[in-house]
Amino acid sequence: MMKKLIIGLFALLPSLTMAAGPSVPLLEANHDLTDKASLQRGAQLFMNYCLGCHQMQYQRYERTFRDIGIPTKLGEEQLIFDGSKVGSHILNAIEKDDAAKWFGAAPPDLTLVARVRGADWIYTYLKSFYVDESRPFGVNNTVFPSVGMPHVLQELQGVPTARFEEVEEHGVKVNKVVEITTDGSGEMSDDEYDHAVRDLTNFLAYVGEPTRLQSEAIGYKVLGFLVILFILAFLLKKEYWRDVH
């Protein structure tokens, strides 16, 4: 039993290392799960730019539309592109073997990415692509070096270019990205792109934990009940002790 446990822990090390990522300061996503307009825009971005490669195999269209305030009929017409039923899971048609051949590894399912990585990581990652002609898709990423995917939002952001500076880390001089700028060719301004990335991050955070708002609401009600119960118990105690004295 102990041997199996040790083997399992060693098997987890690569995934834990990848989840940790490089030591890049993360930007604050400042996402808001109560902002349904943001969630709706994020869903639209995901369906249009991400679903071609990344699935959400634990999330259903119908549940998503209901939670973020999209009428089922409208969502079925505007956000389901492959003829899937509205009650289906959010899947795509890409074959894992083909995806691994094209990208070096099959694109991960994104249902739980916000819970694994965190919203700040996602937000920073989507803002950290830059041109790198040495990479197969012509881009790299400061948060995920040697990333194996194209910058799918480049038409929105424009072409991002990195400025490097030589810095010393752990006694070794390395070239490090200190700034990323765009050429203005994108469909969005820098501020608009920031908002779009925040919307997409917000949507992924919702999908990672769809019941979070309900759980928090129940938590507040439980705390309120405990406060009232404490007051009643305290008053009851005083009443009993008054008779004793």
Protein backbone atom coordinates (compact mmCIF):
# COMPACT_ATOMS: atom_id res chain seq x y z
CA MET A 1 0.00 0.00 0.00
CA MET A 2 2.81 2.41 0.96
CA LYS A 3 4.67 1.57 -2.26
CA LYS A 4 1.61 2.45 -4.36
CA LEU A 5 1.20 5.72 -2.46
CA ILE A 6 4.82 6.72 -3.11
CA ILE A 7 4.51 5.85 -6.80
CA GLY A 8 1.32 7.91 -7.00
CA LEU A 9 3.00 10.92 -5.42
CA PHE A 10 5.88 10.74 -7.90
CA ALA A 11 3.39 10.49 -10.75
CA LEU A 12 1.76 13.72 -9.57
CA LEU A 13 4.99 15.72 -9.47
CA PRO A 14 5.02 16.74 -13.17
CA SER A 15 1.44 18.03 -13.01
CA LEU A 16 2.12 19.87 -9.75
CA THR A 17 5.18 21.49 -11.27
CA MET A 18 3.21 22.59 -14.33
CA ALA A 19 0.42 23.93 -12.16
CA ALA A 20 2.91 26.01 -10.19
CA GLY A 21 4.29 27.64 -13.33
CA PRO A 22 7.17 30.10 -13.46
CA SER A 23 7.69 32.81 -10.85
CA VAL A 24 6.00 35.60 -12.81
CA PRO A 25 4.10 38.25 -10.80
CA LEU A 26 0.41 37.76 -11.51
CA LEU A 27 -1.96 40.58 -12.36
CA GLU A 28 -5.21 40.86 -10.41
CA ALA A 29 -8.18 39.72 -12.43
CA ASN A 30 -10.69 41.52 -10.20
CA HIS A 31 -13.44 39.37 -11.69
CA ASP A 32 -17.01 39.53 -10.43
CA LEU A 33 -19.23 36.46 -10.53
CA THR A 34 -22.30 38.60 -9.90
CA ASP A 35 -21.74 40.53 -13.15
CA LYS A 36 -23.92 38.53 -15.54
CA ALA A 37 -23.20 40.82 -18.49
CA SER A 38 -19.49 40.06 -18.06
CA LEU A 39 -20.20 36.33 -17.79
CA GLN A 40 -22.29 36.45 -20.97
CA ARG A 41 -19.53 38.24 -22.89
CA GLY A 42 -17.01 35.73 -21.51
CA ALA A 43 -19.17 32.82 -22.67
CA GLN A 44 -19.36 34.34 -26.15
CA LEU A 45 -15.57 34.71 -26.27
CA PHE A 46 -15.05 31.15 -25.11
CA MET A 47 -17.46 29.64 -27.64
CA ASN A 48 -15.95 31.67 -30.50
CA TYR A 49 -12.23 31.49 -29.72
CA CYS A 50 -11.55 28.61 -27.31
CA LEU A 51 -14.05 25.80 -27.89
CA GLY A 52 -12.45 24.76 -31.17
CA CYS A 53 -9.64 23.16 -29.15
CA HIS A 54 -10.65 23.24 -25.47
CA GLN A 55 -13.66 21.41 -24.12
CA MET A 56 -15.68 21.77 -20.94
CA GLN A 57 -16.66 18.16 -20.52
CA TYR A 58 -18.20 18.62 -17.05
CA GLN A 59 -20.36 21.63 -17.94
CA ARG A 60 -23.65 21.63 -19.86
CA TYR A 61 -24.91 24.34 -22.21
CA GLU A 62 -28.33 24.53 -20.57
CA ARG A 63 -26.93 24.91 -17.05
CA THR A 64 -24.55 27.60 -18.27
CA PHE A 65 -27.24 29.60 -20.05
CA ARG A 66 -29.55 29.43 -17.02
CA ASP A 67 -26.88 30.46 -14.52
CA ILE A 68 -25.55 33.46 -16.44
CA GLY A 69 -28.93 34.75 -17.61
CA ILE A 70 -28.99 33.80 -21.29
CA PRO A 71 -32.42 32.69 -22.59
CA THR A 72 -32.15 29.05 -23.60
CA LYS A 73 -33.47 29.62 -27.12
CA LEU A 74 -31.08 32.52 -27.72
CA GLY A 75 -28.13 30.56 -26.37
CA GLU A 76 -29.02 27.59 -28.56
CA GLU A 77 -29.15 29.81 -31.65
CA GLN A 78 -26.10 32.00 -30.97
CA LEU A 79 -23.66 29.93 -28.91
CA ILE A 80 -24.05 26.31 -30.03
CA PHE A 81 -22.27 25.94 -33.35
CA ASP A 82 -22.15 22.17 -33.91
CA GLY A 83 -25.81 21.23 -33.63
CA SER A 84 -25.46 19.81 -30.10
CA LYS A 85 -28.57 19.59 -27.95
CA VAL A 86 -28.92 22.32 -25.36
CA GLY A 87 -28.70 19.70 -22.61
CA SER A 88 -25.36 18.38 -23.89
CA HIS A 89 -21.96 18.89 -22.34
CA ILE A 90 -19.78 21.58 -23.93
CA LEU A 91 -17.62 19.44 -26.20
CA ASN A 92 -15.85 19.81 -29.53
CA ALA A 93 -15.10 17.43 -32.38
CA ILE A 94 -11.29 17.53 -32.28
CA GLU A 95 -9.64 14.12 -31.91
CA LYS A 96 -7.08 13.86 -29.09
CA ASP A 97 -4.55 12.07 -31.29
CA ASP A 98 -4.82 14.75 -33.96
CA ALA A 99 -4.60 17.52 -31.37
CA ALA A 100 -1.49 15.97 -29.83
CA LYS A 101 0.07 15.78 -33.31
CA TRP A 102 -0.71 19.42 -34.09
CA PHE A 103 0.09 21.01 -30.71
CA GLY A 104 2.54 18.56 -29.16
CA ALA A 105 -0.06 17.65 -26.51
CA ALA A 106 -3.84 17.47 -26.46
CA PRO A 107 -5.36 20.81 -25.36
CA PRO A 108 -6.56 20.44 -21.76
CA ASP A 109 -10.17 20.49 -20.71
CA LEU A 110 -10.93 23.91 -19.20
CA THR A 111 -13.83 23.10 -16.91
CA LEU A 112 -11.68 23.29 -13.78
CA VAL A 113 -8.78 25.41 -15.00
CA ALA A 114 -9.73 28.35 -12.75
CA ARG A 115 -9.75 26.12 -9.67
CA VAL A 116 -6.38 24.59 -10.58
CA ARG A 117 -4.59 27.73 -11.77
CA GLY A 118 -6.59 30.57 -10.25
CA ALA A 119 -8.32 33.49 -11.96
CA ASP A 120 -5.27 35.77 -11.67
CA TRP A 121 -3.13 33.19 -13.50
CA ILE A 122 -5.63 32.94 -16.37
CA TYR A 123 -5.95 36.71 -16.68
CA THR A 124 -2.17 37.22 -16.69
CA TYR A 125 -1.63 34.33 -19.11
CA LEU A 126 -4.05 35.78 -21.67
CA LYS A 127 -2.20 39.12 -21.51
CA SER A 128 1.30 37.61 -21.73
CA PHE A 129 1.63 36.33 -25.30
CA TYR A 130 4.36 37.88 -27.44
CA VAL A 131 5.88 37.28 -30.87
CA ASP A 132 8.59 34.60 -30.91
CA GLU A 133 9.46 33.33 -34.39
CA SER A 134 11.36 30.38 -32.92
CA ARG A 135 8.11 28.81 -31.71
CA PRO A 136 5.91 26.63 -33.97
CA PHE A 137 2.99 29.08 -33.80
CA GLY A 138 5.16 32.18 -33.79
CA VAL A 139 4.33 33.20 -30.21
CA ASN A 140 5.53 32.54 -26.68
CA ASN A 141 4.16 33.38 -23.25
CA THR A 142 5.87 34.78 -20.15
CA VAL A 143 3.58 32.89 -17.76
CA PHE A 144 3.80 29.58 -19.67
CA PRO A 145 7.16 29.55 -21.53
CA SER A 146 7.28 27.42 -24.70
CA VAL A 147 3.50 27.27 -24.77
CA GLY A 148 2.17 24.93 -27.45
CA MET A 149 -0.82 26.97 -28.62
CA PRO A 150 -1.33 29.97 -30.92
CA HIS A 151 -2.41 33.35 -29.59
CA VAL A 152 -6.06 32.87 -30.52
CA LEU A 153 -7.06 36.36 -29.34
CA GLN A 154 -4.42 38.13 -31.45
CA GLU A 155 -6.97 39.51 -33.89
CA LEU A 156 -8.57 41.27 -30.92
CA GLN A 157 -5.37 42.42 -29.21
CA GLY A 158 -3.10 43.07 -32.18
CA VAL A 159 0.46 41.77 -32.58
CA PRO A 160 2.16 41.75 -29.15
CA THR A 161 5.89 42.45 -29.03
CA ALA A 162 8.10 41.89 -26.00
CA ARG A 163 10.92 44.11 -24.74
CA PHE A 164 13.72 42.19 -23.03
CA GLU A 165 16.26 43.26 -20.44
CA GLU A 166 19.22 41.34 -19.05
CA VAL A 167 18.64 40.66 -15.36
CA GLU A 168 20.34 38.50 -12.77
CA GLU A 169 18.37 35.65 -11.22
CA HIS A 170 19.96 33.30 -8.72
CA GLY A 171 23.39 34.48 -9.75
CA VAL A 172 22.76 33.89 -13.46
CA LYS A 173 22.19 36.60 -16.08
CA VAL A 174 19.12 35.96 -18.22
CA ASN A 175 17.08 37.90 -20.77
CA LYS A 176 13.70 38.59 -19.26
CA VAL A 177 10.54 40.12 -20.72
CA VAL A 178 9.91 43.43 -18.95
CA GLU A 179 7.17 44.86 -21.18
CA ILE A 180 4.70 43.73 -23.85
CA THR A 181 3.25 46.23 -26.31
CA THR A 182 0.93 45.84 -29.29
CA ASP A 183 1.09 47.38 -32.76
CA GLY A 184 -2.47 48.72 -32.73
CA SER A 185 -3.67 46.33 -35.44
CA GLY A 186 -6.20 44.58 -33.19
CA GLU A 187 -9.96 45.00 -33.33
CA MET A 188 -9.87 46.30 -29.76
CA SER A 189 -8.01 49.03 -27.92
CA ASP A 190 -5.77 48.02 -25.02
CA ASP A 191 -8.52 48.86 -22.51
CA GLU A 192 -11.14 46.96 -24.48
CA TYR A 193 -8.86 43.93 -24.69
CA ASP A 194 -8.27 44.07 -20.93
CA HIS A 195 -12.03 44.04 -20.37
CA ALA A 196 -12.47 41.15 -22.81
CA VAL A 197 -9.79 39.08 -21.06
CA ARG A 198 -11.38 39.85 -17.70
CA ASP A 199 -14.77 38.71 -19.07
CA LEU A 200 -13.28 35.44 -20.32
CA THR A 201 -11.51 34.92 -17.00
CA ASN A 202 -14.76 35.62 -15.16
CA PHE A 203 -16.57 33.01 -17.23
CA LEU A 204 -13.88 30.38 -16.60
CA ALA A 205 -14.00 31.17 -12.88
CA TYR A 206 -17.78 30.61 -12.92
CA VAL A 207 -17.45 27.30 -14.77
CA GLY A 208 -14.83 26.09 -12.29
CA GLU A 209 -17.33 26.49 -9.46
CA PRO A 210 -20.88 27.11 -10.75
CA THR A 211 -22.46 26.91 -7.29
CA ARG A 212 -20.09 29.35 -5.58
CA LEU A 213 -22.59 32.21 -5.28
CA GLN A 214 -25.27 29.86 -3.96
CA SER A 215 -22.78 28.35 -1.51
CA GLU A 216 -21.78 31.78 -0.26
CA ALA A 217 -25.42 32.80 0.14
CA ILE A 218 -26.15 29.64 2.15
CA GLY A 219 -23.03 30.29 4.22
CA TYR A 220 -24.21 33.78 5.16
CA LYS A 221 -27.63 32.40 6.12
CA VAL A 222 -26.01 29.73 8.30
CA LEU A 223 -23.83 32.32 10.01
CA GLY A 224 -26.88 34.52 10.59
CA PHE A 225 -28.76 31.56 12.08
CA LEU A 226 -25.81 30.77 14.39
CA VAL A 227 -25.67 34.39 15.57
CA ILE A 228 -29.38 34.35 16.40
CA LEU A 229 -29.01 30.95 18.09
CA PHE A 230 -26.10 32.26 20.16
CA ILE A 231 -28.13 35.28 21.31
CA LEU A 232 -31.07 33.06 22.29
CA ALA A 233 -28.77 30.63 24.10
CA PHE A 234 -27.09 33.51 25.94
CA LEU A 235 -30.43 34.98 27.04
CA LEU A 236 -31.65 31.52 28.10
CA LYS A 237 -28.48 31.03 30.16
CA LYS A 238 -28.99 34.36 31.92
CA GLU A 239 -32.59 33.41 32.69
CA TYR A 240 -31.54 30.08 34.23
CA TRP A 241 -28.73 31.62 36.30
CA ARG A 242 -31.07 34.33 37.62
CA ASP A 243 -33.22 31.62 39.23
CA VAL A 244 -30.13 29.93 40.69
CA HIS A 245 -28.95 33.13 42.39
